[in-house]
N, C-alpha and C. Protein backbone atom coordinates (compact mmCIF):
# COMPACT_ATOMS: atom_id res chain seq x y z
N MET A 1 214.13 115.22 -49.47
CA MET A 1 215.26 114.39 -49.82
C MET A 1 216.39 115.28 -50.34
N ARG A 2 217.56 114.71 -50.35
CA ARG A 2 218.70 115.40 -50.93
C ARG A 2 219.34 114.50 -51.97
N GLY A 3 220.05 115.14 -52.88
CA GLY A 3 220.73 114.40 -53.93
C GLY A 3 221.57 115.34 -54.77
N GLU A 4 221.97 114.84 -55.95
CA GLU A 4 222.77 115.64 -56.88
C GLU A 4 222.19 115.53 -58.27
N LEU A 5 222.27 116.62 -59.01
CA LEU A 5 221.85 116.58 -60.40
C LEU A 5 222.85 115.72 -61.17
N LEU A 6 222.34 114.77 -61.90
CA LEU A 6 223.18 113.96 -62.77
C LEU A 6 223.36 114.69 -64.09
N TRP A 7 222.25 115.22 -64.61
CA TRP A 7 222.26 116.06 -65.80
C TRP A 7 220.92 116.77 -65.92
N PHE A 8 220.92 117.87 -66.68
CA PHE A 8 219.69 118.60 -66.97
C PHE A 8 219.85 119.26 -68.33
N ASN A 9 218.90 119.04 -69.23
CA ASN A 9 218.92 119.61 -70.57
C ASN A 9 218.02 120.84 -70.57
N GLU A 10 218.61 122.01 -70.74
CA GLU A 10 217.84 123.26 -70.70
C GLU A 10 216.85 123.37 -71.85
N GLN A 11 217.20 122.86 -73.02
CA GLN A 11 216.30 122.95 -74.17
C GLN A 11 215.09 122.05 -74.03
N ARG A 12 215.32 120.82 -73.59
CA ARG A 12 214.20 119.88 -73.42
C ARG A 12 213.49 120.05 -72.08
N GLN A 13 214.16 120.74 -71.14
CA GLN A 13 213.61 120.97 -69.80
C GLN A 13 213.35 119.66 -69.06
N ASP A 14 214.33 118.75 -69.11
CA ASP A 14 214.24 117.53 -68.33
C ASP A 14 215.63 117.08 -67.91
N GLY A 15 215.68 116.25 -66.89
CA GLY A 15 216.96 115.77 -66.39
C GLY A 15 216.75 114.67 -65.37
N VAL A 16 217.85 114.33 -64.69
CA VAL A 16 217.83 113.25 -63.70
C VAL A 16 218.59 113.69 -62.46
N ILE A 17 218.02 113.34 -61.31
CA ILE A 17 218.65 113.57 -60.02
C ILE A 17 218.99 112.21 -59.43
N VAL A 18 220.16 112.09 -58.83
CA VAL A 18 220.53 110.88 -58.10
C VAL A 18 220.34 111.20 -56.62
N ALA A 19 219.39 110.50 -55.99
CA ALA A 19 219.11 110.72 -54.57
C ALA A 19 220.23 110.12 -53.73
N GLU A 20 220.27 110.51 -52.46
CA GLU A 20 221.30 110.00 -51.55
C GLU A 20 221.30 108.48 -51.45
N ASP A 21 220.13 107.88 -51.63
CA ASP A 21 220.05 106.42 -51.54
C ASP A 21 220.39 105.73 -52.86
N GLY A 22 220.78 106.52 -53.88
CA GLY A 22 221.20 105.96 -55.15
C GLY A 22 220.13 105.83 -56.21
N THR A 23 218.88 106.13 -55.86
CA THR A 23 217.81 106.04 -56.85
C THR A 23 217.86 107.24 -57.79
N HIS A 24 217.45 107.01 -59.03
CA HIS A 24 217.39 108.07 -60.04
C HIS A 24 215.96 108.56 -60.14
N VAL A 25 215.80 109.88 -60.13
CA VAL A 25 214.48 110.49 -60.20
C VAL A 25 214.48 111.52 -61.33
N VAL A 26 213.47 111.44 -62.19
CA VAL A 26 213.34 112.38 -63.30
C VAL A 26 212.89 113.74 -62.75
N VAL A 27 213.45 114.81 -63.31
CA VAL A 27 213.04 116.16 -62.95
C VAL A 27 212.73 116.93 -64.23
N LEU A 28 211.63 117.64 -64.21
CA LEU A 28 211.25 118.50 -65.33
C LEU A 28 211.54 119.95 -64.94
N GLY A 29 211.63 120.82 -65.92
CA GLY A 29 211.89 122.23 -65.65
C GLY A 29 210.88 122.85 -64.71
N SER A 30 209.64 122.40 -64.79
CA SER A 30 208.59 122.93 -63.92
C SER A 30 208.74 122.43 -62.48
N GLY A 31 209.62 121.46 -62.25
CA GLY A 31 209.82 120.92 -60.90
C GLY A 31 210.75 121.75 -60.04
N PHE A 32 211.42 122.75 -60.65
CA PHE A 32 212.35 123.59 -59.89
C PHE A 32 211.63 124.75 -59.24
N VAL A 33 212.07 125.11 -58.05
CA VAL A 33 211.60 126.31 -57.38
C VAL A 33 212.03 127.49 -58.27
N PRO A 34 211.19 128.52 -58.46
CA PRO A 34 211.59 129.65 -59.30
C PRO A 34 212.97 130.19 -58.91
N GLY A 35 213.81 130.37 -59.92
CA GLY A 35 215.14 130.89 -59.70
C GLY A 35 216.19 129.83 -59.40
N HIS A 36 215.80 128.55 -59.33
CA HIS A 36 216.74 127.49 -59.00
C HIS A 36 217.01 126.53 -60.15
N ALA A 37 216.43 126.78 -61.32
CA ALA A 37 216.69 125.91 -62.47
C ALA A 37 218.15 126.07 -62.90
N PRO A 38 218.82 124.97 -63.20
CA PRO A 38 220.23 125.06 -63.56
C PRO A 38 220.45 125.70 -64.93
N VAL A 39 221.58 126.36 -65.05
CA VAL A 39 221.98 126.97 -66.31
C VAL A 39 223.40 126.47 -66.60
N GLY A 40 223.60 125.92 -67.76
CA GLY A 40 224.92 125.41 -68.11
C GLY A 40 225.20 124.07 -67.45
N ARG A 41 226.47 123.78 -67.28
CA ARG A 41 226.87 122.50 -66.68
C ARG A 41 226.39 122.44 -65.23
N CYS A 42 225.77 121.33 -64.90
CA CYS A 42 225.20 121.24 -63.55
C CYS A 42 225.46 119.90 -62.89
N ALA A 43 226.16 118.99 -63.54
CA ALA A 43 226.41 117.67 -62.96
C ALA A 43 227.07 117.82 -61.60
N GLY A 44 226.53 117.13 -60.61
CA GLY A 44 227.09 117.18 -59.27
C GLY A 44 226.54 118.28 -58.40
N THR A 45 225.65 119.12 -58.93
CA THR A 45 225.08 120.20 -58.14
C THR A 45 224.17 119.62 -57.06
N PRO A 46 224.41 119.93 -55.78
CA PRO A 46 223.57 119.39 -54.71
C PRO A 46 222.20 120.06 -54.70
N VAL A 47 221.16 119.25 -54.53
CA VAL A 47 219.80 119.76 -54.53
C VAL A 47 218.99 119.12 -53.41
N ALA A 48 217.94 119.81 -53.01
CA ALA A 48 216.94 119.28 -52.08
C ALA A 48 215.63 119.20 -52.87
N PHE A 49 214.85 118.15 -52.65
CA PHE A 49 213.63 117.96 -53.43
C PHE A 49 212.67 117.01 -52.72
N THR A 50 211.46 116.93 -53.22
CA THR A 50 210.50 115.93 -52.77
C THR A 50 210.10 115.13 -54.01
N VAL A 51 209.60 113.93 -53.77
CA VAL A 51 209.18 113.07 -54.87
C VAL A 51 207.66 113.01 -54.88
N ALA A 52 207.09 113.27 -56.06
CA ALA A 52 205.63 113.21 -56.23
C ALA A 52 205.32 112.23 -57.34
N ASP A 53 204.13 111.66 -57.29
CA ASP A 53 203.68 110.73 -58.33
C ASP A 53 202.92 111.54 -59.38
N GLU A 54 203.52 111.69 -60.56
CA GLU A 54 202.87 112.42 -61.65
C GLU A 54 202.64 111.46 -62.80
N ASP A 55 201.39 111.21 -63.11
CA ASP A 55 201.02 110.31 -64.20
C ASP A 55 201.61 108.91 -64.01
N GLY A 56 201.66 108.44 -62.77
CA GLY A 56 202.16 107.11 -62.48
C GLY A 56 203.66 106.98 -62.43
N GLU A 57 204.38 108.08 -62.59
CA GLU A 57 205.84 108.09 -62.56
C GLU A 57 206.33 108.96 -61.41
N PRO A 58 207.36 108.51 -60.69
CA PRO A 58 207.93 109.38 -59.65
C PRO A 58 208.69 110.54 -60.29
N ARG A 59 208.41 111.75 -59.83
CA ARG A 59 209.08 112.94 -60.35
C ARG A 59 209.56 113.80 -59.19
N ALA A 60 210.68 114.46 -59.39
CA ALA A 60 211.20 115.39 -58.39
C ALA A 60 210.46 116.72 -58.54
N VAL A 61 209.97 117.24 -57.42
CA VAL A 61 209.30 118.54 -57.40
C VAL A 61 209.86 119.37 -56.26
N GLY A 62 209.64 120.66 -56.32
CA GLY A 62 210.16 121.55 -55.28
C GLY A 62 211.68 121.50 -55.21
N VAL A 63 212.32 121.33 -56.37
CA VAL A 63 213.78 121.16 -56.41
C VAL A 63 214.45 122.51 -56.21
N ALA A 64 215.38 122.56 -55.27
CA ALA A 64 216.13 123.79 -54.98
C ALA A 64 217.60 123.44 -54.82
N VAL A 65 218.45 124.29 -55.37
CA VAL A 65 219.89 124.11 -55.22
C VAL A 65 220.27 124.36 -53.77
N VAL A 66 221.09 123.48 -53.22
CA VAL A 66 221.55 123.61 -51.84
C VAL A 66 222.90 124.30 -51.86
N GLU A 67 222.98 125.42 -51.20
CA GLU A 67 224.25 126.15 -51.13
C GLU A 67 225.12 125.50 -50.07
N LEU A 68 226.31 125.11 -50.48
CA LEU A 68 227.24 124.52 -49.53
C LEU A 68 228.01 125.63 -48.84
N ALA A 69 228.26 125.43 -47.57
CA ALA A 69 229.04 126.41 -46.82
C ALA A 69 230.46 126.43 -47.36
N GLN A 70 230.91 127.60 -47.69
CA GLN A 70 232.27 127.75 -48.21
C GLN A 70 233.24 127.86 -47.05
N GLY A 71 234.03 126.85 -46.85
CA GLY A 71 235.02 126.88 -45.79
C GLY A 71 236.20 127.72 -46.19
N GLY A 72 236.81 128.35 -45.23
CA GLY A 72 238.00 129.13 -45.53
C GLY A 72 239.13 128.21 -45.96
N ARG A 73 239.88 128.64 -46.90
CA ARG A 73 240.98 127.82 -47.38
C ARG A 73 242.28 128.50 -46.98
N ALA A 74 243.15 127.71 -46.41
CA ALA A 74 244.43 128.27 -45.96
C ALA A 74 245.26 128.70 -47.14
N ARG A 75 245.87 129.85 -47.00
CA ARG A 75 246.78 130.32 -48.05
C ARG A 75 248.15 129.71 -47.83
N ARG A 76 248.77 129.40 -48.91
CA ARG A 76 250.10 128.84 -48.82
C ARG A 76 251.12 129.97 -48.83
N ARG A 77 251.96 129.98 -47.85
CA ARG A 77 252.96 131.02 -47.77
C ARG A 77 254.24 130.53 -48.41
N PRO A 78 254.94 131.43 -49.07
CA PRO A 78 256.21 131.00 -49.68
C PRO A 78 257.23 130.62 -48.61
N SER A 79 257.99 129.59 -48.92
CA SER A 79 258.98 129.14 -47.94
C SER A 79 260.13 130.13 -47.91
N ARG A 80 260.65 130.29 -46.74
CA ARG A 80 261.79 131.20 -46.55
C ARG A 80 263.03 130.35 -46.25
N SER A 81 263.84 130.25 -47.23
CA SER A 81 265.05 129.41 -47.08
C SER A 81 266.22 130.21 -46.62
């Protein structure tokens, strides 16, 4: 599945992901692929994940940040009057 991080608390190691279909899924620090745990502000960060049933609750696991392709941005040239 794909979605966006709504928030993640580094100290508590928990957060919420909003899936593409609008459902909210809890994510724990252990649910991130090594090296993909967010640091600092992360709201809106696109992620890919799977949902697993842990202790009767749906949890996001295998969470990885999705790198968006950086499109070239046109430079604005000064007008010549």
